PDB file of N, CA and C in Angstrom:
ATOM      1  N   MET A   1      23.494 -15.604 -21.782  1.00  0.00           N
ATOM      2  CA  MET A   1      23.708 -14.430 -21.434  1.00  0.00           C
ATOM      3  C   MET A   1      22.194 -14.268 -21.206  1.00  0.00           C
ATOM      4  N   LEU A   2      21.906 -13.973 -19.810  1.00  0.00           N
ATOM      5  CA  LEU A   2      20.575 -13.870 -19.016  1.00  0.00           C
ATOM      6  C   LEU A   2      19.767 -12.343 -19.618  1.00  0.00           C
ATOM      7  N   THR A   3      18.561 -12.348 -19.974  1.00  0.00           N
ATOM      8  CA  THR A   3      18.180 -10.941 -20.406  1.00  0.00           C
ATOM      9  C   THR A   3      16.799 -10.737 -19.577  1.00  0.00           C
ATOM     10  N   THR A   4      16.384  -9.559 -19.272  1.00  0.00           N
ATOM     11  CA  THR A   4      15.056  -9.736 -18.589  1.00  0.00           C
ATOM     12  C   THR A   4      14.223  -8.879 -19.763  1.00  0.00           C
ATOM     13  N   SER A   5      12.929  -8.955 -19.641  1.00  0.00           N
ATOM     14  CA  SER A   5      12.337  -8.129 -20.680  1.00  0.00           C
ATOM     15  C   SER A   5      10.707  -7.859 -20.052  1.00  0.00           C
ATOM     16  N   PRO A   6      10.408  -6.999 -19.528  1.00  0.00           N
ATOM     17  CA  PRO A   6      11.262  -5.676 -19.520  1.00  0.00           C
ATOM     18  C   PRO A   6      12.532  -5.817 -18.517  1.00  0.00           C
ATOM     19  N   PRO A   7      13.191  -4.713 -18.910  1.00  0.00           N
ATOM     20  CA  PRO A   7      14.299  -4.618 -17.971  1.00  0.00           C
ATOM     21  C   PRO A   7      13.892  -4.447 -16.662  1.00  0.00           C
ATOM     22  N   LEU A   8      14.659  -5.214 -15.623  1.00  0.00           N
ATOM     23  CA  LEU A   8      14.554  -5.012 -14.331  1.00  0.00           C
ATOM     24  C   LEU A   8      14.520  -3.957 -13.638  1.00  0.00           C
ATOM     25  N   LYS A   9      13.449  -3.610 -12.694  1.00  0.00           N
ATOM     26  CA  LYS A   9      13.433  -2.512 -11.884  1.00  0.00           C
ATOM     27  C   LYS A   9      13.855  -2.792 -10.208  1.00  0.00           C
ATOM     28  N   THR A  10      14.404  -1.712  -9.988  1.00  0.00           N
ATOM     29  CA  THR A  10      14.713  -1.992  -8.869  1.00  0.00           C
ATOM     30  C   THR A  10      14.507  -0.531  -7.749  1.00  0.00           C
ATOM     31  N   GLY A  11      14.404  -0.748  -6.363  1.00  0.00           N
ATOM     32  CA  GLY A  11      14.555   0.569  -5.661  1.00  0.00           C
ATOM     33  C   GLY A  11      13.910   0.230  -4.240  1.00  0.00           C
ATOM     34  N   SER A  12      14.079   1.384  -3.352  1.00  0.00           N
ATOM     35  CA  SER A  12      14.126   1.285  -1.733  1.00  0.00           C
ATOM     36  C   SER A  12      12.608   2.218  -1.367  1.00  0.00           C
ATOM     37  N   LEU A  13      12.054   1.151  -0.934  1.00  0.00           N
ATOM     38  CA  LEU A  13      10.846   1.940  -0.500  1.00  0.00           C
ATOM     39  C   LEU A  13      11.034   2.287   1.327  1.00  0.00           C
ATOM     40  N   LEU A  14      11.976   2.259   1.527  1.00  0.00           N
ATOM     41  CA  LEU A  14      12.353   2.622   2.892  1.00  0.00           C
ATOM     42  C   LEU A  14      13.831   3.335   2.989  1.00  0.00           C
ATOM     43  N   THR A  15      14.897   2.778   3.275  1.00  0.00           N
ATOM     44  CA  THR A  15      16.315   2.943   3.061  1.00  0.00           C
ATOM     45  C   THR A  15      16.990   1.477   2.562  1.00  0.00           C
ATOM     46  N   GLY A  16      17.573   1.817   1.745  1.00  0.00           N
ATOM     47  CA  GLY A  16      18.484   0.531   1.423  1.00  0.00           C
ATOM     48  C   GLY A  16      19.793   0.900   0.355  1.00  0.00           C
ATOM     49  N   ALA A  17      20.225   0.023  -0.488  1.00  0.00           N
ATOM     50  CA  ALA A  17      21.277   0.317  -1.051  1.00  0.00           C
ATOM     51  C   ALA A  17      20.604   0.670  -2.652  1.00  0.00           C
ATOM     52  N   HIS A  18      19.271   0.773  -3.062  1.00  0.00           N
ATOM     53  CA  HIS A  18      19.268   1.167  -4.045  1.00  0.00           C
ATOM     54  C   HIS A  18      18.353   2.426  -3.808  1.00  0.00           C
ATOM     55  N   ALA A  19      17.709   3.018  -5.181  1.00  0.00           N
ATOM     56  CA  ALA A  19      17.469   4.523  -5.197  1.00  0.00           C
ATOM     57  C   ALA A  19      16.045   4.390  -4.600  1.00  0.00           C
ATOM     58  N   ARG A  20      15.746   5.493  -3.562  1.00  0.00           N
ATOM     59  CA  ARG A  20      14.673   5.590  -3.195  1.00  0.00           C
ATOM     60  C   ARG A  20      13.147   5.903  -3.870  1.00  0.00           C
ATOM     61  N   ALA A  21      11.994   5.265  -3.383  1.00  0.00           N
ATOM     62  CA  ALA A  21      11.084   5.280  -4.146  1.00  0.00           C
ATOM     63  C   ALA A  21      10.283   6.961  -4.363  1.00  0.00           C
ATOM     64  N   GLY A  22      11.074   7.398  -3.306  1.00  0.00           N
ATOM     65  CA  GLY A  22      10.206   9.185  -3.294  1.00  0.00           C
ATOM     66  C   GLY A  22       9.119   9.383  -2.458  1.00  0.00           C
ATOM     67  N   GLU A  23       8.672  10.262  -2.393  1.00  0.00           N
ATOM     68  CA  GLU A  23       7.553  10.885  -1.603  1.00  0.00           C
ATOM     69  C   GLU A  23       6.252  11.047  -2.513  1.00  0.00           C
ATOM     70  N   GLN A  24       6.268  10.301  -3.469  1.00  0.00           N
ATOM     71  CA  GLN A  24       4.979  10.726  -4.272  1.00  0.00           C
ATOM     72  C   GLN A  24       3.784   9.952  -3.623  1.00  0.00           C
ATOM     73  N   LYS A  25       2.588  10.084  -3.640  1.00  0.00           N
ATOM     74  CA  LYS A  25       1.356   9.833  -3.071  1.00  0.00           C
ATOM     75  C   LYS A  25       1.152   8.361  -3.489  1.00  0.00           C
ATOM     76  N   ALA A  26       1.585   7.994  -4.779  1.00  0.00           N
ATOM     77  CA  ALA A  26       1.189   6.586  -5.183  1.00  0.00           C
ATOM     78  C   ALA A  26       2.351   6.231  -6.290  1.00  0.00           C
ATOM     79  N   LEU A  27       2.697   4.872  -6.075  1.00  0.00           N
ATOM     80  CA  LEU A  27       3.255   4.382  -7.179  1.00  0.00           C
ATOM     81  C   LEU A  27       3.257   3.284  -7.228  1.00  0.00           C
ATOM     82  N   VAL A  28       2.703   2.949  -8.619  1.00  0.00           N
ATOM     83  CA  VAL A  28       2.200   1.333  -9.136  1.00  0.00           C
ATOM     84  C   VAL A  28       3.852   0.767  -9.410  1.00  0.00           C
ATOM     85  N   LEU A  29       4.355  -0.321  -8.850  1.00  0.00           N
ATOM     86  CA  LEU A  29       5.288  -1.239  -8.726  1.00  0.00           C
ATOM     87  C   LEU A  29       5.309  -2.354  -9.797  1.00  0.00           C
ATOM     88  N   LEU A  30       4.005  -2.510  -9.801  1.00  0.00           N
ATOM     89  CA  LEU A  30       3.871  -3.848 -10.713  1.00  0.00           C
ATOM     90  C   LEU A  30       2.444  -3.948 -11.033  1.00  0.00           C
ATOM     91  N   ASP A  31       2.068  -3.890 -12.410  1.00  0.00           N
ATOM     92  CA  ASP A  31       0.633  -4.046 -12.890  1.00  0.00           C
ATOM     93  C   ASP A  31       0.869  -5.189 -14.049  1.00  0.00           C
ATOM     94  N   LYS A  32       0.512  -6.383 -13.558  1.00  0.00           N
ATOM     95  CA  LYS A  32       0.463  -7.355 -14.608  1.00  0.00           C
ATOM     96  C   LYS A  32      -0.494  -8.332 -14.401  1.00  0.00           C
ATOM     97  N   ASN A  33      -1.396  -8.653 -15.437  1.00  0.00           N
ATOM     98  CA  ASN A  33      -2.573  -9.432 -15.495  1.00  0.00           C
ATOM     99  C   ASN A  33      -3.455  -9.387 -14.512  1.00  0.00           C
ATOM    100  N   GLY A  34      -3.777  -7.902 -14.648  1.00  0.00           N
ATOM    101  CA  GLY A  34      -4.744  -7.286 -13.986  1.00  0.00           C
ATOM    102  C   GLY A  34      -4.529  -6.963 -12.018  1.00  0.00           C
ATOM    103  N   GLN A  35      -3.276  -7.833 -11.813  1.00  0.00           N
ATOM    104  CA  GLN A  35      -2.830  -7.520 -10.596  1.00  0.00           C
ATOM    105  C   GLN A  35      -1.987  -6.560 -10.651  1.00  0.00           C
ATOM    106  N   LYS A  36      -1.969  -5.750  -9.228  1.00  0.00           N
ATOM    107  CA  LYS A  36      -0.973  -4.547  -8.999  1.00  0.00           C
ATOM    108  C   LYS A  36      -0.654  -4.511  -7.413  1.00  0.00           C
ATOM    109  N   VAL A  37       0.783  -4.053  -7.730  1.00  0.00           N
ATOM    110  CA  VAL A  37       1.071  -3.572  -6.504  1.00  0.00           C
ATOM    111  C   VAL A  37       1.576  -2.328  -6.328  1.00  0.00           C
ATOM    112  N   ILE A  38       0.837  -1.466  -5.375  1.00  0.00           N
ATOM    113  CA  ILE A  38       0.928  -0.269  -5.277  1.00  0.00           C
ATOM    114  C   ILE A  38       1.450   0.237  -3.859  1.00  0.00           C
ATOM    115  N   PHE A  39       2.651   1.301  -4.324  1.00  0.00           N
ATOM    116  CA  PHE A  39       3.213   1.727  -2.868  1.00  0.00           C
ATOM    117  C   PHE A  39       2.356   3.506  -2.448  1.00  0.00           C
ATOM    118  N   LYS A  40       2.265   3.432  -1.325  1.00  0.00           N
ATOM    119  CA  LYS A  40       1.647   4.699  -1.332  1.00  0.00           C
ATOM    120  C   LYS A  40       1.679   5.343   0.112  1.00  0.00           C
ATOM    121  N   THR A  41       2.256   6.792   0.197  1.00  0.00           N
ATOM    122  CA  THR A  41       2.342   7.394   0.910  1.00  0.00           C
ATOM    123  C   THR A  41       1.076   8.231   1.759  1.00  0.00           C
ATOM    124  N   PHE A  42       1.269   8.464   2.768  1.00  0.00           N
ATOM    125  CA  PHE A  42       0.177   9.633   3.512  1.00  0.00           C
ATOM    126  C   PHE A  42       0.789  10.293   4.788  1.00  0.00           C
ATOM    127  N   GLY A  43       0.177  11.505   4.649  1.00  0.00           N
ATOM    128  CA  GLY A  43       0.402  12.454   5.833  1.00  0.00           C
ATOM    129  C   GLY A  43      -0.145  12.243   6.896  1.00  0.00           C
ATOM    130  N   ALA A  44      -0.076  12.598   8.261  1.00  0.00           N
ATOM    131  CA  ALA A  44      -0.785  12.634   9.315  1.00  0.00           C
ATOM    132  C   ALA A  44      -2.039  13.498   9.041  1.00  0.00           C
ATOM    133  N   GLY A  45      -3.105  12.722   9.337  1.00  0.00           N
ATOM    134  CA  GLY A  45      -4.205  13.540   9.033  1.00  0.00           C
ATOM    135  C   GLY A  45      -5.108  13.295   7.953  1.00  0.00           C
ATOM    136  N   GLU A  46      -4.325  12.627   6.956  1.00  0.00           N
ATOM    137  CA  GLU A  46      -5.030  12.439   5.440  1.00  0.00           C
ATOM    138  C   GLU A  46      -5.637  11.143   6.105  1.00  0.00           C
ATOM    139  N   ILE A  47      -6.822  10.994   4.827  1.00  0.00           N
ATOM    140  CA  ILE A  47      -7.704  10.028   5.067  1.00  0.00           C
ATOM    141  C   ILE A  47      -8.088   9.741   3.407  1.00  0.00           C
ATOM    142  N   MET A  48      -8.291   8.211   3.371  1.00  0.00           N
ATOM    143  CA  MET A  48      -9.011   7.775   2.487  1.00  0.00           C
ATOM    144  C   MET A  48     -10.547   7.277   2.552  1.00  0.00           C
ATOM    145  N   PRO A  49     -11.598   8.081   1.655  1.00  0.00           N
ATOM    146  CA  PRO A  49     -12.996   7.865   1.771  1.00  0.00           C
ATOM    147  C   PRO A  49     -13.119   6.530   1.609  1.00  0.00           C
ATOM    148  N   THR A  50     -14.270   5.798   2.401  1.00  0.00           N
ATOM    149  CA  THR A  50     -14.999   4.780   2.037  1.00  0.00           C
ATOM    150  C   THR A  50     -15.227   4.226   0.603  1.00  0.00           C
ATOM    151  N   HIS A  51     -14.627   3.268   0.287  1.00  0.00           N
ATOM    152  CA  HIS A  51     -14.528   2.432  -1.188  1.00  0.00           C
ATOM    153  C   HIS A  51     -14.443   1.203  -0.920  1.00  0.00           C
ATOM    154  N   HIS A  52     -14.621   0.483  -1.996  1.00  0.00           N
ATOM    155  CA  HIS A  52     -14.652  -1.139  -2.238  1.00  0.00           C
ATOM    156  C   HIS A  52     -13.389  -1.297  -3.597  1.00  0.00           C
ATOM    157  N   ALA A  53     -13.528  -2.694  -3.447  1.00  0.00           N
ATOM    158  CA  ALA A  53     -12.289  -3.284  -4.450  1.00  0.00           C
ATOM    159  C   ALA A  53     -13.115  -4.532  -5.031  1.00  0.00           C
ATOM    160  N   ASN A  54     -12.987  -5.046  -6.290  1.00  0.00           N
ATOM    161  CA  ASN A  54     -13.834  -6.116  -6.396  1.00  0.00           C
ATOM    162  C   ASN A  54     -12.796  -7.106  -6.307  1.00  0.00           C
ATOM    163  N   VAL A  55     -11.756  -7.152  -5.670  1.00  0.00           N
ATOM    164  CA  VAL A  55     -10.753  -8.462  -5.418  1.00  0.00           C
ATOM    165  C   VAL A  55     -10.606  -8.220  -4.227  1.00  0.00           C
ATOM    166  N   ASP A  56      -9.872  -9.180  -3.516  1.00  0.00           N
ATOM    167  CA  ASP A  56      -9.260  -9.129  -1.883  1.00  0.00           C
ATOM    168  C   ASP A  56      -8.256  -8.164  -2.101  1.00  0.00           C
ATOM    169  N   VAL A  57      -7.729  -7.460  -1.053  1.00  0.00           N
ATOM    170  CA  VAL A  57      -6.614  -6.610  -1.028  1.00  0.00           C
ATOM    171  C   VAL A  57      -5.786  -6.946   0.238  1.00  0.00           C
ATOM    172  N   LEU A  58      -4.625  -6.912  -0.072  1.00  0.00           N
ATOM    173  CA  LEU A  58      -3.613  -7.059   1.190  1.00  0.00           C
ATOM    174  C   LEU A  58      -3.010  -5.686   1.223  1.00  0.00           C
ATOM    175  N   VAL A  59      -3.150  -5.147   2.362  1.00  0.00           N
ATOM    176  CA  VAL A  59      -2.235  -4.156   2.954  1.00  0.00           C
ATOM    177  C   VAL A  59      -1.262  -4.324   3.770  1.00  0.00           C
ATOM    178  N   THR A  60      -0.178  -3.903   3.606  1.00  0.00           N
ATOM    179  CA  THR A  60       1.061  -4.312   4.347  1.00  0.00           C
ATOM    180  C   THR A  60       1.725  -2.722   4.746  1.00  0.00           C
ATOM    181  N   VAL A  61       1.945  -2.570   6.133  1.00  0.00           N
ATOM    182  CA  VAL A  61       2.284  -1.083   6.831  1.00  0.00           C
ATOM    183  C   VAL A  61       3.973  -1.075   6.940  1.00  0.00           C
ATOM    184  N   LEU A  62       4.148  -0.176   6.078  1.00  0.00           N
ATOM    185  CA  LEU A  62       5.914  -0.002   6.245  1.00  0.00           C
ATOM    186  C   LEU A  62       6.159   0.487   7.242  1.00  0.00           C
ATOM    187  N   ALA A  63       5.656   1.722   7.257  1.00  0.00           N
ATOM    188  CA  ALA A  63       6.089   3.010   8.348  1.00  0.00           C
ATOM    189  C   ALA A  63       4.748   3.118   8.731  1.00  0.00           C
ATOM    190  N   GLY A  64       4.751   4.353  10.004  1.00  0.00           N
ATOM    191  CA  GLY A  64       3.736   4.957  10.473  1.00  0.00           C
ATOM    192  C   GLY A  64       2.679   4.166  10.984  1.00  0.00           C
ATOM    193  N   ARG A  65       1.491   4.782  11.237  1.00  0.00           N
ATOM    194  CA  ARG A  65       0.358   4.335  12.192  1.00  0.00           C
ATOM    195  C   ARG A  65      -0.846   4.969  11.570  1.00  0.00           C
ATOM    196  N   LEU A  66      -1.750   3.779  11.089  1.00  0.00           N
ATOM    197  CA  LEU A  66      -3.035   4.233  10.460  1.00  0.00           C
ATOM    198  C   LEU A  66      -4.100   3.451  11.178  1.00  0.00           C
ATOM    199  N   ILE A  67      -5.549   3.928  10.676  1.00  0.00           N
ATOM    200  CA  ILE A  67      -6.811   3.364  10.994  1.00  0.00           C
ATOM    201  C   ILE A  67      -7.239   2.563   9.825  1.00  0.00           C
ATOM    202  N   ILE A  68      -7.396   1.628   9.857  1.00  0.00           N
ATOM    203  CA  ILE A  68      -8.385   1.254   8.568  1.00  0.00           C
ATOM    204  C   ILE A  68      -9.700   0.503   9.361  1.00  0.00           C
ATOM    205  N   THR A  69     -10.714   0.953   8.301  1.00  0.00           N
ATOM    206  CA  THR A  69     -12.213   0.883   9.011  1.00  0.00           C
ATOM    207  C   THR A  69     -12.496  -0.444   7.870  1.00  0.00           C
ATOM    208  N   VAL A  70     -13.068  -1.649   8.097  1.00  0.00           N
ATOM    209  CA  VAL A  70     -13.353  -2.514   6.932  1.00  0.00           C
ATOM    210  C   VAL A  70     -14.984  -2.849   7.612  1.00  0.00           C
ATOM    211  N   VAL A  71     -15.952  -2.609   6.766  1.00  0.00           N
ATOM    212  CA  VAL A  71     -17.251  -2.661   7.247  1.00  0.00           C
ATOM    213  C   VAL A  71     -17.831  -2.091   8.508  1.00  0.00           C
ATOM    214  N   ASP A  72     -17.416  -1.044   8.881  1.00  0.00           N
ATOM    215  CA  ASP A  72     -17.623  -0.520  10.271  1.00  0.00           C
ATOM    216  C   ASP A  72     -16.705  -0.761  11.212  1.00  0.00           C
ATOM    217  N   THR A  73     -15.738  -1.615  11.198  1.00  0.00           N
ATOM    218  CA  THR A  73     -15.014  -2.101  12.235  1.00  0.00           C
ATOM    219  C   THR A  73     -13.417  -1.291  11.999  1.00  0.00           C
ATOM    220  N   PRO A  74     -13.272  -0.455  13.023  1.00  0.00           N
ATOM    221  CA  PRO A  74     -11.751   0.224  12.662  1.00  0.00           C
ATOM    222  C   PRO A  74     -10.703  -0.801  13.270  1.00  0.00           C
ATOM    223  N   THR A  75      -9.499  -1.011  12.724  1.00  0.00           N
ATOM    224  CA  THR A  75      -8.387  -1.539  13.106  1.00  0.00           C
ATOM    225  C   THR A  75      -7.012  -0.835  13.062  1.00  0.00           C
ATOM    226  N   GLU A  76      -6.340  -0.745  14.260  1.00  0.00           N
ATOM    227  CA  GLU A  76      -5.241   0.296  13.982  1.00  0.00           C
ATOM    228  C   GLU A  76      -4.112  -0.395  13.634  1.00  0.00           C
ATOM    229  N   VAL A  77      -3.328  -0.164  12.613  1.00  0.00           N
ATOM    230  CA  VAL A  77      -2.245  -0.959  12.159  1.00  0.00           C
ATOM    231  C   VAL A  77      -0.913  -0.056  12.172  1.00  0.00           C
ATOM    232  N   THR A  78       0.329  -0.587  12.790  1.00  0.00           N
ATOM    233  CA  THR A  78       1.443   0.183  12.557  1.00  0.00           C
ATOM    234  C   THR A  78       2.565  -0.709  11.667  1.00  0.00           C
ATOM    235  N   ALA A  79       3.749  -0.269  11.499  1.00  0.00           N
ATOM    236  CA  ALA A  79       4.665  -0.739  10.598  1.00  0.00           C
ATOM    237  C   ALA A  79       4.685  -2.293  11.070  1.00  0.00           C
ATOM    238  N   GLY A  80       4.883  -3.041  10.093  1.00  0.00           N
ATOM    239  CA  GLY A  80       5.163  -4.474  10.145  1.00  0.00           C
ATOM    240  C   GLY A  80       3.543  -5.128  10.396  1.00  0.00           C
ATOM    241  N   ASP A  81       2.770  -4.627  10.425  1.00  0.00           N
ATOM    242  CA  ASP A  81       1.125  -5.364  10.477  1.00  0.00           C
ATOM    243  C   ASP A  81       1.148  -5.288   8.948  1.00  0.00           C
ATOM    244  N   TYR A  82       0.061  -6.229   8.528  1.00  0.00           N
ATOM    245  CA  TYR A  82      -1.085  -6.348   7.417  1.00  0.00           C
ATOM    246  C   TYR A  82      -2.140  -6.431   8.078  1.00  0.00           C
ATOM    247  N   LEU A  83      -2.954  -6.485   6.861  1.00  0.00           N
ATOM    248  CA  LEU A  83      -4.663  -6.538   6.839  1.00  0.00           C
ATOM    249  C   LEU A  83      -5.048  -6.988   5.674  1.00  0.00           C
ATOM    250  N   VAL A  84      -5.889  -8.119   5.765  1.00  0.00           N
ATOM    251  CA  VAL A  84      -6.463  -8.530   4.221  1.00  0.00           C
ATOM    252  C   VAL A  84      -7.957  -8.149   4.166  1.00  0.00           C
ATOM    253  N   ILE A  85      -8.310  -7.297   3.050  1.00  0.00           N
ATOM    254  CA  ILE A  85      -9.869  -6.806   3.011  1.00  0.00           C
ATOM    255  C   ILE A  85     -10.703  -7.580   1.971  1.00  0.00           C
ATOM    256  N   PRO A  86     -11.701  -8.301   2.186  1.00  0.00           N
ATOM    257  CA  PRO A  86     -12.269  -9.337   1.403  1.00  0.00           C
ATOM    258  C   PRO A  86     -12.976  -8.412   0.329  1.00  0.00           C
ATOM    259  N   ALA A  87     -12.811  -8.982  -0.718  1.00  0.00           N
ATOM    260  CA  ALA A  87     -13.560  -8.601  -2.173  1.00  0.00           C
ATOM    261  C   ALA A  87     -14.769  -8.005  -1.868  1.00  0.00           C
ATOM    262  N   GLY A  88     -15.207  -6.742  -2.280  1.00  0.00           N
ATOM    263  CA  GLY A  88     -16.408  -5.974  -1.940  1.00  0.00           C
ATOM    264  C   GLY A  88     -16.585  -5.378  -0.532  1.00  0.00           C
ATOM    265  N   ALA A  89     -16.038  -5.921   0.322  1.00  0.00           N
ATOM    266  CA  ALA A  89     -16.174  -4.916   1.484  1.00  0.00           C
ATOM    267  C   ALA A  89     -15.664  -3.322   1.544  1.00  0.00           C
ATOM    268  N   PRO A  90     -16.776  -2.762   2.226  1.00  0.00           N
ATOM    269  CA  PRO A  90     -16.594  -1.274   2.149  1.00  0.00           C
ATOM    270  C   PRO A  90     -15.335  -1.061   3.130  1.00  0.00           C
ATOM    271  N   HIS A  91     -14.304  -0.051   3.030  1.00  0.00           N
ATOM    272  CA  HIS A  91     -13.226  -0.043   3.549  1.00  0.00           C
ATOM    273  C   HIS A  91     -12.890   1.538   3.289  1.00  0.00           C
ATOM    274  N   ALA A  92     -12.082   2.261   4.549  1.00  0.00           N
ATOM    275  CA  ALA A  92     -11.718   3.547   4.473  1.00  0.00           C
ATOM    276  C   ALA A  92     -10.292   3.634   5.477  1.00  0.00           C
ATOM    277  N   LEU A  93      -9.627   4.667   5.105  1.00  0.00           N
ATOM    278  CA  LEU A  93      -8.218   4.667   6.069  1.00  0.00           C
ATOM    279  C   LEU A  93      -8.322   6.131   6.318  1.00  0.00           C
ATOM    280  N   GLU A  94      -7.638   6.191   7.720  1.00  0.00           N
ATOM    281  CA  GLU A  94      -7.106   7.173   8.243  1.00  0.00           C
ATOM    282  C   GLU A  94      -5.837   7.086   8.853  1.00  0.00           C
ATOM    283  N   CYS A  95      -5.165   8.168   8.525  1.00  0.00           N
ATOM    284  CA  CYS A  95      -3.497   7.984   8.925  1.00  0.00           C
ATOM    285  C   CYS A  95      -3.181   8.994  10.212  1.00  0.00           C
ATOM    286  N   VAL A  96      -2.950   8.487  11.020  1.00  0.00           N
ATOM    287  CA  VAL A  96      -2.696   8.952  12.532  1.00  0.00           C
ATOM    288  C   VAL A  96      -1.306   9.447  12.435  1.00  0.00           C
ATOM    289  N   GLU A  97      -0.529   8.901  12.012  1.00  0.00           N
ATOM    290  CA  GLU A  97       0.873   9.482  11.677  1.00  0.00           C
ATOM    291  C   GLU A  97       1.581   9.378  10.448  1.00  0.00           C
ATOM    292  N   ALA A  98       2.515   9.991   9.931  1.00  0.00           N
ATOM    293  CA  ALA A  98       3.059   9.714   8.549  1.00  0.00           C
ATOM    294  C   ALA A  98       2.894   8.404   8.435  1.00  0.00           C
ATOM    295  N   ALA A  99       2.933   7.888   7.051  1.00  0.00           N
ATOM    296  CA  ALA A  99       2.642   6.239   6.848  1.00  0.00           C
ATOM    297  C   ALA A  99       3.115   5.992   5.453  1.00  0.00           C
ATOM    298  N   ARG A 100       3.969   4.806   5.069  1.00  0.00           N
ATOM    299  CA  ARG A 100       4.015   4.319   3.984  1.00  0.00           C
ATOM    300  C   ARG A 100       3.298   2.707   4.003  1.00  0.00           C
ATOM    301  N   ILE A 101       2.434   2.465   3.189  1.00  0.00           N
ATOM    302  CA  ILE A 101       2.164   1.365   2.542  1.00  0.00           C
ATOM    303  C   ILE A 101       2.221   0.560   1.379  1.00  0.00           C
ATOM    304  N   LEU A 102       2.021  -0.713   0.983  1.00  0.00           N
ATOM    305  CA  LEU A 102       1.913  -1.791   0.061  1.00  0.00           C
ATOM    306  C   LEU A 102       0.592  -2.067   0.161  1.00  0.00           C
ATOM    307  N   ILE A 103       0.160  -1.671  -1.317  1.00  0.00           N
ATOM    308  CA  ILE A 103      -1.321  -2.446  -1.463  1.00  0.00           C
ATOM    309  C   ILE A 103      -1.101  -3.449  -2.319  1.00  0.00           C
ATOM    310  N   PHE A 104      -1.601  -4.745  -2.360  1.00  0.00           N
ATOM    311  CA  PHE A 104      -1.456  -5.974  -3.259  1.00  0.00           C
ATOM    312  C   PHE A 104      -2.849  -5.930  -3.542  1.00  0.00           C
ATOM    313  N   LYS A 105      -3.305  -5.957  -4.847  1.00  0.00           N
ATOM    314  CA  LYS A 105      -4.583  -6.448  -5.346  1.00  0.00           C
ATOM    315  C   LYS A 105      -4.790  -6.901  -6.784  1.00  0.00           C
TER     316      LYS A 105
END
């Protein structure tokens, strides 16, 4: 018999066969050995002020449109785009239209 420990977690971040993750602002999907996968939602006009991370960060856009500024260089990203932010680089986010993103760090 195959067992998983902890029990298997499933869900849908958009529309799928599993229960939707919902509209919460942030949901940590995985936190293991210091690495995290975070699902975040933003409403149009929301911002995330300039901050930095001590590790490289991969941002994947699932839906919407955002401007992510890394070291004073703004980049517009939309559904299907991704952006890698180097460790220590100051970055900020401005949500142009409602968006859902995955953050891997």
